[in-house]
Amino acid sequence: MLRSLGPEGAQRTAGDELTFILPTADAETVRQKGFRNLASLNWGETRQFDAGTGSVTITAVRARHSHNPLTAQALGIGNGYWIEFSQQSWKRTLYWTGDTMPTDDVLEEIRPRGVPDIMVPHVGGVGTAGPFGRISMGSGDVVRLASVLRPQFVLPIHHSTYAFYREPISDLVAASKGKPYRLDLIAEGSEIIYP
C-alpha cells in the first residue's frame, strides 16, 4: 500500500503477482515506474482480498497533510487506510493514518467506523521549519487522535525514516505515559504480533 507518493517515491521490488494499493492521484506515476497490478482507491473505496476462510478489507480514507487547506491542496491527495482482518467470528481493525493531521474532516470520517484495535500513525513533526509549516503529526497530534479513536494499541511509524523528522520518538513515549493505549515501538525489520 502507498499512502502518497512522497520523496521516497516507489521502486519496483516485487513482481506483478502482488497488488499495489495506492491513491488514484498517484496511479499513473507509479505505472510509469513499471508497476502493473495497481488498485487505485479514492477516499471511501474498498478492496477485499480473500484467503482461505479469512479476508482483508482495505478502505481508503481521508488524509490531510496539513491543517491549512491551501497547504494540503499543494501537497496533493494522499490516503489513510481502514483495514479489517476477519476469519469466521474473529475480527481486528487497523487504522493506518497515512500522512495526515487530525483535522476535523479526518476525524468526522474515521469516528463512525468505530474503535480501531490498532492505530498506525505517521509521526515525526516533519516540516516545522519548512515553507509549508508542519506537515506530519507530532506527539500531541497522535495523543489527541488516540484520545478520540481509543485504540488498544498505537504502533507509530515514519518517525526515524528521514533526517528531516524533527521530533524524536521519545517525545511520543513521554506524552503517552498513563494513556489507555499500549504504545508499541519496534526496531526496523522486526515484527509484532497482535492477539
C-alpha atoms as a PDB file:
ATOM      1  CA  MET A   1       0.000   0.000   0.000  1.00  0.00           C
ATOM      2  CA  LEU A   2       1.109   3.516  -0.760  1.00  0.00           C
ATOM      3  CA  ARG A   3      -0.272   6.434   1.242  1.00  0.00           C
ATOM      4  CA  SER A   4       1.097   9.127  -1.083  1.00  0.00           C
ATOM      5  CA  LEU A   5       3.950   9.495  -3.487  1.00  0.00           C
ATOM      6  CA  GLY A   6       6.434  11.218  -1.187  1.00  0.00           C
ATOM      7  CA  PRO A   7      10.162  11.828  -1.554  1.00  0.00           C
ATOM      8  CA  GLU A   8      10.934   8.121  -1.397  1.00  0.00           C
ATOM      9  CA  GLY A   9       8.776   7.545  -4.468  1.00  0.00           C
ATOM     10  CA  ALA A  10       8.053   3.982  -5.436  1.00  0.00           C
ATOM     11  CA  GLN A  11      10.598   1.470  -6.532  1.00  0.00           C
ATOM     12  CA  ARG A  12       9.703  -1.759  -8.212  1.00  0.00           C
ATOM     13  CA  THR A  13      10.810  -4.539  -5.876  1.00  0.00           C
ATOM     14  CA  ALA A  14       8.185  -7.215  -6.449  1.00  0.00           C
ATOM     15  CA  GLY A  15       6.616  -8.986  -9.385  1.00  0.00           C
ATOM     16  CA  ASP A  16       3.228  -8.305 -10.899  1.00  0.00           C
ATOM     17  CA  GLU A  17       1.590 -11.013  -8.779  1.00  0.00           C
ATOM     18  CA  LEU A  18       1.298  -8.542  -5.883  1.00  0.00           C
ATOM     19  CA  THR A  19      -1.451  -5.942  -5.912  1.00  0.00           C
ATOM     20  CA  PHE A  20      -0.205  -2.442  -5.176  1.00  0.00           C
ATOM     21  CA  ILE A  21      -2.866  -0.286  -3.454  1.00  0.00           C
ATOM     22  CA  LEU A  22      -2.400   3.446  -3.829  1.00  0.00           C
ATOM     23  CA  PRO A  23      -4.174   6.803  -4.155  1.00  0.00           C
ATOM     24  CA  THR A  24      -5.747   7.340  -7.572  1.00  0.00           C
ATOM     25  CA  ALA A  25      -3.803  10.602  -7.940  1.00  0.00           C
ATOM     26  CA  ASP A  26      -0.511   8.634  -7.946  1.00  0.00           C
ATOM     27  CA  ALA A  27      -1.526   5.719 -10.182  1.00  0.00           C
ATOM     28  CA  GLU A  28      -0.092   6.984 -13.481  1.00  0.00           C
ATOM     29  CA  THR A  29       3.252   7.967 -11.962  1.00  0.00           C
ATOM     30  CA  VAL A  30       3.595   4.549 -10.324  1.00  0.00           C
ATOM     31  CA  ARG A  31       2.537   2.809 -13.550  1.00  0.00           C
ATOM     32  CA  GLN A  32       5.332   4.647 -15.376  1.00  0.00           C
ATOM     33  CA  LYS A  33       7.798   3.161 -12.869  1.00  0.00           C
ATOM     34  CA  GLY A  34       6.870  -0.318 -14.120  1.00  0.00           C
ATOM     35  CA  PHE A  35       4.176  -1.432 -11.687  1.00  0.00           C
ATOM     36  CA  ARG A  36       1.283  -3.165 -13.421  1.00  0.00           C
ATOM     37  CA  ASN A  37      -1.067  -4.710 -10.849  1.00  0.00           C
ATOM     38  CA  LEU A  38      -2.432  -1.475  -9.374  1.00  0.00           C
ATOM     39  CA  ALA A  39      -5.571  -0.978  -7.295  1.00  0.00           C
ATOM     40  CA  SER A  40      -6.037   2.771  -7.086  1.00  0.00           C
ATOM     41  CA  LEU A  41      -8.535   3.861  -4.464  1.00  0.00           C
ATOM     42  CA  ASN A  42     -10.271   7.160  -3.864  1.00  0.00           C
ATOM     43  CA  TRP A  43     -11.484   8.023  -0.378  1.00  0.00           C
ATOM     44  CA  GLY A  44     -14.346   5.699   0.548  1.00  0.00           C
ATOM     45  CA  GLU A  45     -13.447   2.999  -1.989  1.00  0.00           C
ATOM     46  CA  THR A  46     -12.744  -0.543  -0.793  1.00  0.00           C
ATOM     47  CA  ARG A  47     -10.790  -3.554  -1.974  1.00  0.00           C
ATOM     48  CA  GLN A  48     -11.204  -7.014  -0.431  1.00  0.00           C
ATOM     49  CA  PHE A  49      -8.716  -9.876  -0.537  1.00  0.00           C
ATOM     50  CA  ASP A  50      -9.860 -13.382   0.387  1.00  0.00           C
ATOM     51  CA  ALA A  51      -7.566 -16.118   1.660  1.00  0.00           C
ATOM     52  CA  GLY A  52      -8.991 -19.441   2.773  1.00  0.00           C
ATOM     53  CA  THR A  53     -11.689 -18.736   5.353  1.00  0.00           C
ATOM     54  CA  GLY A  54     -10.414 -15.222   6.061  1.00  0.00           C
ATOM     55  CA  SER A  55     -10.352 -11.871   4.342  1.00  0.00           C
ATOM     56  CA  VAL A  56      -8.677  -8.487   4.461  1.00  0.00           C
ATOM     57  CA  THR A  57     -10.765  -5.470   3.526  1.00  0.00           C
ATOM     58  CA  ILE A  58      -8.952  -2.207   2.818  1.00  0.00           C
ATOM     59  CA  THR A  59     -10.839   1.087   2.591  1.00  0.00           C
ATOM     60  CA  ALA A  60      -9.127   4.305   1.552  1.00  0.00           C
ATOM     61  CA  VAL A  61      -9.941   7.117   3.965  1.00  0.00           C
ATOM     62  CA  ARG A  62      -9.359  10.838   4.014  1.00  0.00           C
ATOM     63  CA  ALA A  63      -5.871  12.118   4.832  1.00  0.00           C
ATOM     64  CA  ARG A  64      -4.858  15.778   5.091  1.00  0.00           C
ATOM     65  CA  HIS A  65      -1.175  16.708   5.171  1.00  0.00           C
ATOM     66  CA  SER A  66      -1.918  19.994   6.909  1.00  0.00           C
ATOM     67  CA  HIS A  67      -4.494  21.917   8.913  1.00  0.00           C
ATOM     68  CA  ASN A  68      -4.071  24.667   6.305  1.00  0.00           C
ATOM     69  CA  PRO A  69      -6.354  23.824   3.318  1.00  0.00           C
ATOM     70  CA  LEU A  70      -4.044  25.554   0.798  1.00  0.00           C
ATOM     71  CA  THR A  71      -1.019  23.625   2.042  1.00  0.00           C
ATOM     72  CA  ALA A  72      -2.965  20.353   1.993  1.00  0.00           C
ATOM     73  CA  GLN A  73      -4.043  21.058  -1.594  1.00  0.00           C
ATOM     74  CA  ALA A  74      -0.492  21.929  -2.683  1.00  0.00           C
ATOM     75  CA  LEU A  75       0.859  18.673  -1.214  1.00  0.00           C
ATOM     76  CA  GLY A  76      -1.743  16.572  -3.027  1.00  0.00           C
ATOM     77  CA  ILE A  77      -4.228  13.897  -2.136  1.00  0.00           C
ATOM     78  CA  GLY A  78      -2.972  11.025  -0.045  1.00  0.00           C
ATOM     79  CA  ASN A  79      -4.775   8.135   1.576  1.00  0.00           C
ATOM     80  CA  GLY A  80      -5.123   6.739   5.023  1.00  0.00           C
ATOM     81  CA  TYR A  81      -6.429   3.173   5.201  1.00  0.00           C
ATOM     82  CA  TRP A  82      -9.007   1.463   7.402  1.00  0.00           C
ATOM     83  CA  ILE A  83      -8.152  -2.245   7.314  1.00  0.00           C
ATOM     84  CA  GLU A  84     -10.349  -5.067   8.586  1.00  0.00           C
ATOM     85  CA  PHE A  85      -8.928  -8.538   9.121  1.00  0.00           C
ATOM     86  CA  SER A  86     -11.508 -11.283   9.626  1.00  0.00           C
ATOM     87  CA  GLN A  87     -11.730 -15.042   9.829  1.00  0.00           C
ATOM     88  CA  GLN A  88     -15.058 -16.548  10.811  1.00  0.00           C
ATOM     89  CA  SER A  89     -16.005 -14.879  14.142  1.00  0.00           C
ATOM     90  CA  TRP A  90     -12.534 -13.322  14.672  1.00  0.00           C
ATOM     91  CA  LYS A  91     -12.062  -9.703  13.560  1.00  0.00           C
ATOM     92  CA  ARG A  92      -9.454  -6.980  14.055  1.00  0.00           C
ATOM     93  CA  THR A  93      -9.329  -3.447  12.702  1.00  0.00           C
ATOM     94  CA  LEU A  94      -6.338  -1.261  11.955  1.00  0.00           C
ATOM     95  CA  TYR A  95      -6.285   2.421  11.094  1.00  0.00           C
ATOM     96  CA  TRP A  96      -3.159   3.419   9.169  1.00  0.00           C
ATOM     97  CA  THR A  97      -3.293   7.213   9.221  1.00  0.00           C
ATOM     98  CA  GLY A  98      -1.083   7.888   6.219  1.00  0.00           C
ATOM     99  CA  ASP A  99       0.354  11.396   6.044  1.00  0.00           C
ATOM    100  CA  THR A 100      -2.401  13.233   7.831  1.00  0.00           C
ATOM    101  CA  MET A 101      -3.052  15.678  10.581  1.00  0.00           C
ATOM    102  CA  PRO A 102      -6.061  15.109  12.866  1.00  0.00           C
ATOM    103  CA  THR A 103      -8.188  17.686  11.051  1.00  0.00           C
ATOM    104  CA  ASP A 104     -11.906  17.946  11.760  1.00  0.00           C
ATOM    105  CA  ASP A 105     -12.871  16.342   8.428  1.00  0.00           C
ATOM    106  CA  VAL A 106     -10.483  13.407   9.000  1.00  0.00           C
ATOM    107  CA  LEU A 107     -11.956  12.824  12.460  1.00  0.00           C
ATOM    108  CA  GLU A 108     -15.525  13.089  11.115  1.00  0.00           C
ATOM    109  CA  GLU A 109     -14.768  10.339   8.598  1.00  0.00           C
ATOM    110  CA  ILE A 110     -12.934   7.981  10.939  1.00  0.00           C
ATOM    111  CA  ARG A 111     -15.086   8.178  14.099  1.00  0.00           C
ATOM    112  CA  PRO A 112     -18.173   6.467  12.607  1.00  0.00           C
ATOM    113  CA  ARG A 113     -16.040   3.450  11.653  1.00  0.00           C
ATOM    114  CA  GLY A 114     -15.737   2.544  15.321  1.00  0.00           C
ATOM    115  CA  VAL A 115     -12.765   1.900  17.558  1.00  0.00           C
ATOM    116  CA  PRO A 116      -9.706   0.552  15.754  1.00  0.00           C
ATOM    117  CA  ASP A 117      -7.844  -2.190  17.575  1.00  0.00           C
ATOM    118  CA  ILE A 118      -4.562  -0.796  16.257  1.00  0.00           C
ATOM    119  CA  MET A 119      -3.697   2.719  15.131  1.00  0.00           C
ATOM    120  CA  VAL A 120      -0.596   3.178  12.966  1.00  0.00           C
ATOM    121  CA  PRO A 121       0.198   6.913  12.902  1.00  0.00           C
ATOM    122  CA  HIS A 122       2.879   8.667  10.879  1.00  0.00           C
ATOM    123  CA  VAL A 123       4.740  10.797  13.393  1.00  0.00           C
ATOM    124  CA  GLY A 124       7.893  12.896  13.481  1.00  0.00           C
ATOM    125  CA  GLY A 125       6.921  16.551  13.173  1.00  0.00           C
ATOM    126  CA  VAL A 126       8.063  16.987   9.569  1.00  0.00           C
ATOM    127  CA  GLY A 127       8.249  20.480   8.152  1.00  0.00           C
ATOM    128  CA  THR A 128       8.358  22.508  11.332  1.00  0.00           C
ATOM    129  CA  ALA A 129      10.812  24.970   9.803  1.00  0.00           C
ATOM    130  CA  GLY A 130       9.794  24.481   6.168  1.00  0.00           C
ATOM    131  CA  PRO A 131       7.710  26.727   3.890  1.00  0.00           C
ATOM    132  CA  PHE A 132       4.507  24.718   4.454  1.00  0.00           C
ATOM    133  CA  GLY A 133       4.757  24.553   8.241  1.00  0.00           C
ATOM    134  CA  ARG A 134       4.307  21.230   9.990  1.00  0.00           C
ATOM    135  CA  ILE A 135       3.067  18.527   7.607  1.00  0.00           C
ATOM    136  CA  SER A 136       3.158  15.415   9.769  1.00  0.00           C
ATOM    137  CA  MET A 137       1.851  14.649  13.210  1.00  0.00           C
ATOM    138  CA  GLY A 138       3.831  15.342  16.321  1.00  0.00           C
ATOM    139  CA  SER A 139       3.327  13.579  19.638  1.00  0.00           C
ATOM    140  CA  GLY A 140       0.494  15.917  20.690  1.00  0.00           C
ATOM    141  CA  ASP A 141      -1.423  15.134  17.487  1.00  0.00           C
ATOM    142  CA  VAL A 142      -1.036  11.382  17.975  1.00  0.00           C
ATOM    143  CA  VAL A 143      -2.208  11.589  21.592  1.00  0.00           C
ATOM    144  CA  ARG A 144      -5.191  13.722  20.522  1.00  0.00           C
ATOM    145  CA  LEU A 145      -6.126  11.297  17.745  1.00  0.00           C
ATOM    146  CA  ALA A 146      -5.789   8.308  20.077  1.00  0.00           C
ATOM    147  CA  SER A 147      -7.959  10.022  22.706  1.00  0.00           C
ATOM    148  CA  VAL A 148     -10.728  10.444  20.121  1.00  0.00           C
ATOM    149  CA  LEU A 149     -10.463   7.000  18.484  1.00  0.00           C
ATOM    150  CA  ARG A 150      -9.489   4.991  21.625  1.00  0.00           C
ATOM    151  CA  PRO A 151      -7.361   2.241  20.026  1.00  0.00           C
ATOM    152  CA  GLN A 152      -5.960  -0.505  22.224  1.00  0.00           C
ATOM    153  CA  PHE A 153      -2.553  -0.341  20.534  1.00  0.00           C
ATOM    154  CA  VAL A 154      -0.617   2.525  18.912  1.00  0.00           C
ATOM    155  CA  LEU A 155       2.199   1.497  16.563  1.00  0.00           C
ATOM    156  CA  PRO A 156       3.957   4.686  15.373  1.00  0.00           C
ATOM    157  CA  ILE A 157       5.860   4.611  12.108  1.00  0.00           C
ATOM    158  CA  HIS A 158       7.831   7.008   9.932  1.00  0.00           C
ATOM    159  CA  HIS A 159       9.404   8.705  12.962  1.00  0.00           C
ATOM    160  CA  SER A 160      13.002   7.829  12.173  1.00  0.00           C
ATOM    161  CA  THR A 161      12.933   7.305   8.415  1.00  0.00           C
ATOM    162  CA  TYR A 162      14.498  10.586   7.318  1.00  0.00           C
ATOM    163  CA  ALA A 163      16.783  13.195   8.831  1.00  0.00           C
ATOM    164  CA  PHE A 164      14.158  15.917   8.311  1.00  0.00           C
ATOM    165  CA  TYR A 165      11.914  14.423  11.007  1.00  0.00           C
ATOM    166  CA  ARG A 166      12.224  16.986  13.767  1.00  0.00           C
ATOM    167  CA  GLU A 167      10.545  15.387  16.754  1.00  0.00           C
ATOM    168  CA  PRO A 168      12.236  12.374  18.364  1.00  0.00           C
ATOM    169  CA  ILE A 169      10.094   9.339  19.149  1.00  0.00           C
ATOM    170  CA  SER A 170      10.978   9.858  22.816  1.00  0.00           C
ATOM    171  CA  ASP A 171       8.517  12.794  22.797  1.00  0.00           C
ATOM    172  CA  LEU A 172       5.669  10.411  21.952  1.00  0.00           C
ATOM    173  CA  VAL A 173       6.864   7.954  24.600  1.00  0.00           C
ATOM    174  CA  ALA A 174       6.723  10.734  27.214  1.00  0.00           C
ATOM    175  CA  ALA A 175       3.343  12.042  26.006  1.00  0.00           C
ATOM    176  CA  SER A 176       1.873   8.510  26.087  1.00  0.00           C
ATOM    177  CA  LYS A 177       2.695   7.812  29.728  1.00  0.00           C
ATOM    178  CA  GLY A 178      -0.510   6.992  31.594  1.00  0.00           C
ATOM    179  CA  LYS A 179      -2.629   6.857  28.424  1.00  0.00           C
ATOM    180  CA  PRO A 180      -5.091   3.972  27.994  1.00  0.00           C
ATOM    181  CA  TYR A 181      -3.389   2.571  24.882  1.00  0.00           C
ATOM    182  CA  ARG A 182      -0.249   0.477  24.664  1.00  0.00           C
ATOM    183  CA  LEU A 183       2.485   2.251  22.702  1.00  0.00           C
ATOM    184  CA  ASP A 184       4.468  -0.280  20.664  1.00  0.00           C
ATOM    185  CA  LEU A 185       7.875   0.764  19.386  1.00  0.00           C
ATOM    186  CA  ILE A 186       9.597  -1.811  17.244  1.00  0.00           C
ATOM    187  CA  ALA A 187      13.009  -1.853  15.625  1.00  0.00           C
ATOM    188  CA  GLU A 188      13.278  -1.623  11.853  1.00  0.00           C
ATOM    189  CA  GLY A 189      12.992  -5.085  10.324  1.00  0.00           C
ATOM    190  CA  SER A 190      11.386  -6.632  13.412  1.00  0.00           C
ATOM    191  CA  GLU A 191       7.811  -7.769  13.770  1.00  0.00           C
ATOM    192  CA  ILE A 192       4.998  -7.595  16.294  1.00  0.00           C
ATOM    193  CA  ILE A 193       2.072  -9.967  16.643  1.00  0.00           C
ATOM    194  CA  TYR A 194      -1.255  -8.704  17.922  1.00  0.00           C
ATOM    195  CA  PRO A 195      -3.799 -11.038  19.574  1.00  0.00           C
END
